[in-house]
Amino acid sequence: MTIAVIVGMRSEAALLPAGIPVGCAGGIPVRAEALARAFIAGGATALISIGIAGGLDPGLRPGDIVIGSGVETDDGVIETDPVWRCRLLSAIAGARTGLVYGNGEVAATVGHKRALFQRRGAVIVDMESGAVARVAAEAGKPFACLRAVSDPAGRALPPSALVGLGPDGGTRPLAVMAALLRRPQDLPGLIRVGLDSKTGLSALGDALQVVGPALGV
């Protein structure tokens, strides 16, 4: 099986074992879709969405690992591959499974996160999984989702944090600094986001070491 990975950020891609095909969508769903389609056209036989995610379930904390049971999109819920999901859950100690909200919305406020959780019980949200799940479903290929929680449900994302990711998945420190000049009150929240992201990435790296180059297959 040839597995291709879609991530949102370069820092996530850097955690993957060498040699695994990976595309970085920069938090842009249409780019994630294009990358997934290109991988399928190039011979990939399975797709997986990997990275950090926002917490929607109040019980989740930064660094918790979630293996998606399915992804909520405009078209309903797309289930992940059950065998792949079970193997990931068995391999990663403490991982839990749950629905992923992947409709391309940034859940930046506590109220928005609460509404998404109450809607269908989605436990995390990210920007790539919905697009990748749709492509996999259309192509009839196995799909999985492995995510580590970064910002928890009870914590909002400051506006200055929302400009920090470039379309290539790299960071944009100058854009963040410019935003902070306009909104200096965002600084404490921005520091918190950085710490949460570091925790999430560390947990994700540990999980990827456990599953190894086969990514649980």
Protein backbone atom coordinates (compact mmCIF):
# COMPACT_ATOMS: atom_id res chain seq x y z
CA MET A 1 0.00 0.00 0.00
CA THR A 2 1.30 3.44 -0.94
CA ILE A 3 0.24 5.99 1.68
CA ALA A 4 0.24 9.73 1.03
CA VAL A 5 -0.02 12.24 3.88
CA ILE A 6 -1.66 15.67 3.89
CA VAL A 7 -0.66 18.11 6.63
CA GLY A 8 -1.32 21.79 7.19
CA MET A 9 2.08 22.99 8.38
CA ARG A 10 5.73 22.37 7.58
CA SER A 11 6.35 21.73 11.28
CA GLU A 12 3.94 18.78 11.05
CA ALA A 13 5.54 17.46 7.88
CA ALA A 14 8.96 17.54 9.57
CA LEU A 15 7.76 14.96 12.10
CA LEU A 16 7.12 12.29 9.48
CA PRO A 17 9.62 9.54 8.70
CA ALA A 18 11.80 10.20 5.67
CA GLY A 19 10.52 8.93 2.35
CA ILE A 20 6.79 9.22 3.02
CA PRO A 21 4.94 11.26 0.35
CA VAL A 22 3.60 14.35 2.08
CA GLY A 23 1.81 17.48 0.92
CA CYS A 24 1.49 20.68 2.94
CA ALA A 25 -1.81 22.51 2.45
CA GLY A 26 -1.17 25.61 4.55
CA GLY A 27 -4.59 25.36 6.20
CA ILE A 28 -6.32 25.86 2.83
CA PRO A 29 -8.97 23.20 2.13
CA VAL A 30 -8.91 23.61 -1.67
CA ARG A 31 -5.15 23.14 -1.62
CA ALA A 32 -5.56 20.01 0.54
CA GLU A 33 -8.03 18.68 -2.01
CA ALA A 34 -5.70 19.40 -4.93
CA LEU A 35 -2.79 17.71 -3.18
CA ALA A 36 -4.90 14.66 -2.36
CA ARG A 37 -6.09 14.37 -5.96
CA ALA A 38 -2.53 14.68 -7.22
CA PHE A 39 -1.38 11.89 -4.89
CA ILE A 40 -4.19 9.60 -6.05
CA ALA A 41 -3.38 10.36 -9.68
CA GLY A 42 0.27 9.56 -8.93
CA GLY A 43 -0.56 6.11 -7.59
CA ALA A 44 -1.29 6.58 -3.88
CA THR A 45 -3.58 3.83 -2.63
CA ALA A 46 -4.43 5.38 0.77
CA LEU A 47 -4.63 8.87 2.25
CA ILE A 48 -4.15 10.09 5.80
CA SER A 49 -4.61 13.53 7.34
CA ILE A 50 -2.05 14.23 10.06
CA GLY A 51 -1.37 17.25 12.25
CA ILE A 52 -2.52 19.26 15.22
CA ALA A 53 -6.14 20.30 15.68
CA GLY A 54 -8.41 22.48 17.73
CA GLY A 55 -10.25 20.81 20.59
CA LEU A 56 -14.06 20.88 20.60
CA ASP A 57 -14.73 18.33 23.34
CA PRO A 58 -14.18 20.08 26.71
CA GLY A 59 -12.61 16.88 28.03
CA LEU A 60 -9.65 17.07 25.64
CA ARG A 61 -6.38 18.74 26.61
CA PRO A 62 -3.38 19.92 24.57
CA GLY A 63 -1.36 16.90 23.52
CA ASP A 64 -4.26 14.42 23.53
CA ILE A 65 -4.24 12.16 20.46
CA VAL A 66 -7.44 11.66 18.47
CA ILE A 67 -7.91 9.09 15.73
CA GLY A 68 -10.83 10.23 13.63
CA SER A 69 -13.83 7.92 13.46
CA GLY A 70 -15.17 10.03 10.62
CA VAL A 71 -15.10 13.56 9.23
CA GLU A 72 -18.08 15.89 9.09
CA THR A 73 -18.32 17.79 5.80
CA ASP A 74 -21.01 19.64 3.85
CA ASP A 75 -22.11 16.29 2.46
CA GLY A 76 -22.47 14.59 5.84
CA VAL A 77 -20.08 12.31 7.68
CA ILE A 78 -17.39 10.38 5.81
CA GLU A 79 -16.23 7.39 7.84
CA THR A 80 -12.54 6.57 8.18
CA ASP A 81 -11.24 3.11 7.33
CA PRO A 82 -12.24 0.94 10.34
CA VAL A 83 -9.28 -1.45 10.21
CA TRP A 84 -6.73 1.35 9.89
CA ARG A 85 -8.45 3.27 12.67
CA CYS A 86 -8.33 0.28 15.03
CA ARG A 87 -4.66 -0.33 14.31
CA LEU A 88 -3.78 3.28 15.10
CA LEU A 89 -5.80 3.17 18.31
CA SER A 90 -4.12 -0.06 19.36
CA ALA A 91 -0.65 1.30 18.63
CA ILE A 92 -0.90 4.67 20.36
CA ALA A 93 -1.38 4.43 24.12
CA GLY A 94 -4.07 6.78 25.41
CA ALA A 95 -5.39 7.70 21.97
CA ARG A 96 -9.14 8.10 21.64
CA THR A 97 -11.44 8.13 18.66
CA GLY A 98 -14.11 10.64 17.71
CA LEU A 99 -15.71 12.67 14.96
CA VAL A 100 -13.62 15.36 13.24
CA TYR A 101 -15.23 18.58 12.04
CA GLY A 102 -13.59 19.20 8.67
CA ASN A 103 -15.80 21.68 6.87
CA GLY A 104 -13.11 24.30 6.38
CA GLU A 105 -14.16 26.65 9.20
CA VAL A 106 -11.69 28.20 11.62
CA ALA A 107 -13.13 27.72 15.10
CA ALA A 108 -11.46 30.65 16.83
CA THR A 109 -13.89 31.42 19.64
CA VAL A 110 -15.06 29.35 22.60
CA GLY A 111 -18.65 29.85 21.48
CA HIS A 112 -17.96 28.56 17.98
CA LYS A 113 -16.17 25.50 19.38
CA ARG A 114 -19.07 24.81 21.71
CA ALA A 115 -21.57 25.06 18.84
CA LEU A 116 -19.61 22.63 16.67
CA PHE A 117 -19.33 20.15 19.54
CA GLN A 118 -23.06 20.33 20.26
CA ARG A 119 -23.98 20.03 16.57
CA ARG A 120 -22.97 16.39 16.02
CA GLY A 121 -20.48 15.69 18.75
CA ALA A 122 -17.33 16.41 16.77
CA VAL A 123 -14.40 16.33 19.20
CA ILE A 124 -11.77 18.19 17.15
CA VAL A 125 -11.60 20.55 14.17
CA ASP A 126 -8.99 20.98 11.45
CA MET A 127 -8.74 22.51 7.99
CA GLU A 128 -7.51 19.59 5.88
CA SER A 129 -9.35 16.41 6.87
CA GLY A 130 -12.67 17.19 5.18
CA ALA A 131 -11.12 17.81 1.77
CA VAL A 132 -8.87 14.75 1.99
CA ALA A 133 -11.73 12.53 3.17
CA ARG A 134 -13.88 13.57 0.20
CA VAL A 135 -11.12 12.78 -2.30
CA ALA A 136 -10.47 9.39 -0.71
CA ALA A 137 -14.18 8.55 -0.71
CA GLU A 138 -14.58 9.54 -4.35
CA ALA A 139 -11.57 7.44 -5.32
CA GLY A 140 -12.62 4.49 -3.16
CA LYS A 141 -9.36 4.59 -1.20
CA PRO A 142 -8.80 4.01 2.54
CA PHE A 143 -8.63 7.18 4.61
CA ALA A 144 -7.45 7.82 8.16
CA CYS A 145 -7.00 10.84 10.40
CA LEU A 146 -4.41 11.18 13.17
CA ARG A 147 -4.47 14.43 15.11
CA ALA A 148 -3.05 15.90 18.32
CA VAL A 149 -5.03 18.55 20.16
CA SER A 150 -3.43 21.99 20.36
CA ASP A 151 -5.84 24.71 21.52
CA PRO A 152 -8.50 23.21 23.83
CA ALA A 153 -12.23 23.87 23.68
CA GLY A 154 -12.18 26.41 26.47
CA ARG A 155 -9.51 28.61 24.91
CA ALA A 156 -10.03 31.12 22.09
CA LEU A 157 -7.53 31.88 19.35
CA PRO A 158 -6.50 35.55 19.31
CA PRO A 159 -6.95 37.27 15.93
CA SER A 160 -3.19 37.80 15.63
CA ALA A 161 -2.66 34.03 15.59
CA LEU A 162 -4.87 33.60 12.53
CA VAL A 163 -2.39 35.34 10.20
CA GLY A 164 0.58 33.23 11.27
CA LEU A 165 0.32 30.44 8.68
CA GLY A 166 1.37 30.92 5.07
CA PRO A 167 -0.16 29.06 2.10
CA ASP A 168 2.97 26.90 1.89
CA GLY A 169 2.56 25.79 5.49
CA GLY A 170 5.39 27.96 6.77
CA THR A 171 5.12 30.50 9.55
CA ARG A 172 4.69 34.25 8.91
CA PRO A 173 6.33 35.97 11.89
CA LEU A 174 6.31 39.40 10.26
CA ALA A 175 2.57 39.19 9.66
CA VAL A 176 2.03 38.19 13.29
CA MET A 177 4.19 41.08 14.51
CA ALA A 178 2.24 43.53 12.36
CA ALA A 179 -1.02 42.16 13.75
CA LEU A 180 0.31 42.50 17.29
CA LEU A 181 1.14 46.16 16.69
CA ARG A 182 -2.53 46.69 15.92
CA ARG A 183 -3.74 44.42 18.74
CA PRO A 184 -1.13 44.32 21.54
CA GLN A 185 -3.78 42.83 23.83
CA ASP A 186 -3.39 39.58 21.85
CA LEU A 187 0.11 38.92 23.20
CA PRO A 188 -0.81 36.73 26.22
CA GLY A 189 -3.15 34.64 24.10
CA LEU A 190 -0.57 34.36 21.34
CA ILE A 191 2.02 33.06 23.82
CA ARG A 192 -0.53 30.51 25.03
CA VAL A 193 -1.22 29.40 21.46
CA GLY A 194 2.50 28.88 20.92
CA LEU A 195 2.81 26.76 24.03
CA ASP A 196 -0.28 24.71 23.12
CA SER A 197 1.02 24.15 19.60
CA LYS A 198 4.37 23.01 20.95
CA THR A 199 2.60 20.53 23.23
CA GLY A 200 0.48 19.24 20.38
CA LEU A 201 3.42 18.85 18.01
CA SER A 202 5.46 17.05 20.65
CA ALA A 203 2.63 14.56 21.26
CA LEU A 204 2.13 14.13 17.52
CA GLY A 205 5.83 13.39 17.06
CA ASP A 206 5.70 10.76 19.80
CA ALA A 207 2.66 9.13 18.18
CA LEU A 208 4.32 9.04 14.77
CA GLN A 209 7.39 7.39 16.23
CA VAL A 210 5.18 4.66 17.68
CA VAL A 211 3.30 3.93 14.43
CA GLY A 212 6.51 4.13 12.36
CA PRO A 213 6.91 4.45 8.59
CA ALA A 214 3.93 2.18 7.93
CA LEU A 215 1.66 4.74 9.67
CA GLY A 216 -0.36 2.01 11.31
CA VAL A 217 -1.15 0.04 8.16
